[in-house]
Protein backbone atom coordinates (compact mmCIF):
# COMPACT_ATOMS: atom_id res chain seq x y z
CA UNK A 1 130.83 89.99 123.62
CA UNK A 2 130.56 86.30 124.18
CA UNK A 3 132.62 83.60 122.53
CA UNK A 4 130.91 80.36 121.54
CA UNK A 5 132.66 77.82 119.40
CA UNK A 6 134.86 80.45 117.81
CA UNK A 7 131.97 82.79 116.97
CA UNK A 8 131.64 86.26 118.38
CA UNK A 9 128.09 87.01 119.49
CA UNK A 10 127.25 90.66 119.86
CA UNK A 11 125.26 91.85 122.86
CA UNK A 12 122.54 93.34 120.65
CA UNK A 13 122.05 90.13 118.63
CA UNK A 14 120.72 88.11 121.55
CA UNK A 15 117.03 87.27 121.28
CA UNK A 16 115.96 88.95 124.51
CA UNK A 17 117.91 92.10 123.75
CA UNK A 18 116.41 92.35 120.27
CA UNK A 19 112.90 92.10 121.72
CA UNK A 20 113.73 94.70 124.37
CA UNK A 21 115.11 97.05 121.69
CA UNK A 22 112.00 96.52 119.54
CA UNK A 23 109.60 97.16 122.43
CA UNK A 24 111.48 100.24 123.60
CA UNK A 25 111.63 101.57 120.02
CA UNK A 26 107.88 101.11 119.56
CA UNK A 27 107.31 102.81 122.92
CA UNK A 28 109.46 105.79 121.92
CA UNK A 29 107.70 106.14 118.56
CA UNK A 30 104.28 105.97 120.24
CA UNK A 31 105.08 108.60 122.89
CA UNK A 32 106.81 110.96 120.45
CA UNK A 33 103.58 112.81 119.47
CA UNK A 34 102.86 113.38 123.16
CA UNK A 35 106.37 114.71 123.68
CA UNK A 36 105.92 116.81 120.54
CA UNK A 37 103.10 118.70 122.23
CA UNK A 38 105.49 119.79 124.96
CA UNK A 39 107.54 122.86 124.01
CA UNK A 40 111.03 122.01 122.88
CA UNK A 41 112.70 119.69 120.38
CA UNK A 42 111.56 116.45 122.06
CA UNK A 43 109.81 114.94 119.02
CA UNK A 44 112.80 115.53 116.77
CA UNK A 45 115.01 113.58 119.17
CA UNK A 46 112.67 110.84 120.43
CA UNK A 47 111.12 109.72 117.13
CA UNK A 48 114.40 109.03 115.25
CA UNK A 49 115.84 107.21 118.27
CA UNK A 50 112.75 104.99 118.43
CA UNK A 51 112.85 104.41 114.69
CA UNK A 52 116.53 103.51 114.84
CA UNK A 53 115.89 101.00 117.63
CA UNK A 54 113.09 99.41 115.61
CA UNK A 55 115.22 99.21 112.47
CA UNK A 56 118.14 97.69 114.39
CA UNK A 57 116.01 94.94 115.87
CA UNK A 58 113.45 93.96 113.21
CA UNK A 59 114.12 92.52 109.78
CA UNK A 60 110.52 93.19 108.73
CA UNK A 61 110.86 96.85 109.69
CA UNK A 62 114.08 97.07 107.66
CA UNK A 63 112.30 95.67 104.60
CA UNK A 64 109.39 98.09 104.98
CA UNK A 65 111.82 100.97 105.46
CA UNK A 66 113.76 99.98 102.33
CA UNK A 67 110.50 99.86 100.37
CA UNK A 68 109.56 103.29 101.73
CA UNK A 69 112.92 104.78 100.75
CA UNK A 70 112.69 103.28 97.28
CA UNK A 71 109.14 104.54 96.75
CA UNK A 72 109.63 108.00 98.28
CA UNK A 73 113.31 108.93 97.81
CA UNK A 74 112.81 112.52 98.95
CA UNK A 75 111.45 111.47 102.33
CA UNK A 76 113.88 108.56 102.46
CA UNK A 77 116.82 110.96 102.18
CA UNK A 78 115.34 113.01 105.02
CA UNK A 79 114.92 109.92 107.19
CA UNK A 80 118.44 108.70 106.37
CA UNK A 81 119.81 112.07 107.39
CA UNK A 82 118.00 111.83 110.71
CA UNK A 83 119.23 108.28 111.23
CA UNK A 84 122.76 109.29 110.16
CA UNK A 85 123.18 106.51 107.68
CA UNK A 86 126.66 107.19 106.42
CA UNK A 87 126.61 104.57 103.71
CA UNK A 88 123.87 106.49 101.89
CA UNK A 89 125.95 109.66 102.00
CA UNK A 90 129.04 107.82 100.81
CA UNK A 91 127.09 106.28 97.94
CA UNK A 92 125.72 109.69 96.96
CA UNK A 93 129.21 111.22 97.08
CA UNK A 94 130.63 108.36 95.01
CA UNK A 95 127.89 108.88 92.42
CA UNK A 96 128.72 112.60 92.24
CA UNK A 97 132.43 111.93 91.75
CA UNK A 98 131.67 109.35 89.06
CA UNK A 99 129.42 111.86 87.30
CA UNK A 100 132.07 114.56 87.47
CA UNK A 101 134.76 112.20 86.15
CA UNK A 102 132.70 111.29 83.09
CA UNK A 103 132.20 114.90 81.99
């Protein structure tokens, strides 16, 4: 981490690093069908890693992903599980406990 004028700048928030993460994420997503043709669980590992890199580095991709999750909650839950988004699980658990407390 770098310190500039009292602000902490994360390594991943630098402009060049964000572009590198975006390009590598797009590359992984594009080669995942090719890796899927090879026997083994390659697609299941490579595609979510590429998607995670894209979502970490692009605000537009995050917006599109949020729209996708809102429109297709069933597939959104599946994608969140693959991306290990804990806040979604915590929100779901909190909603269950609130529902059980009201009955």
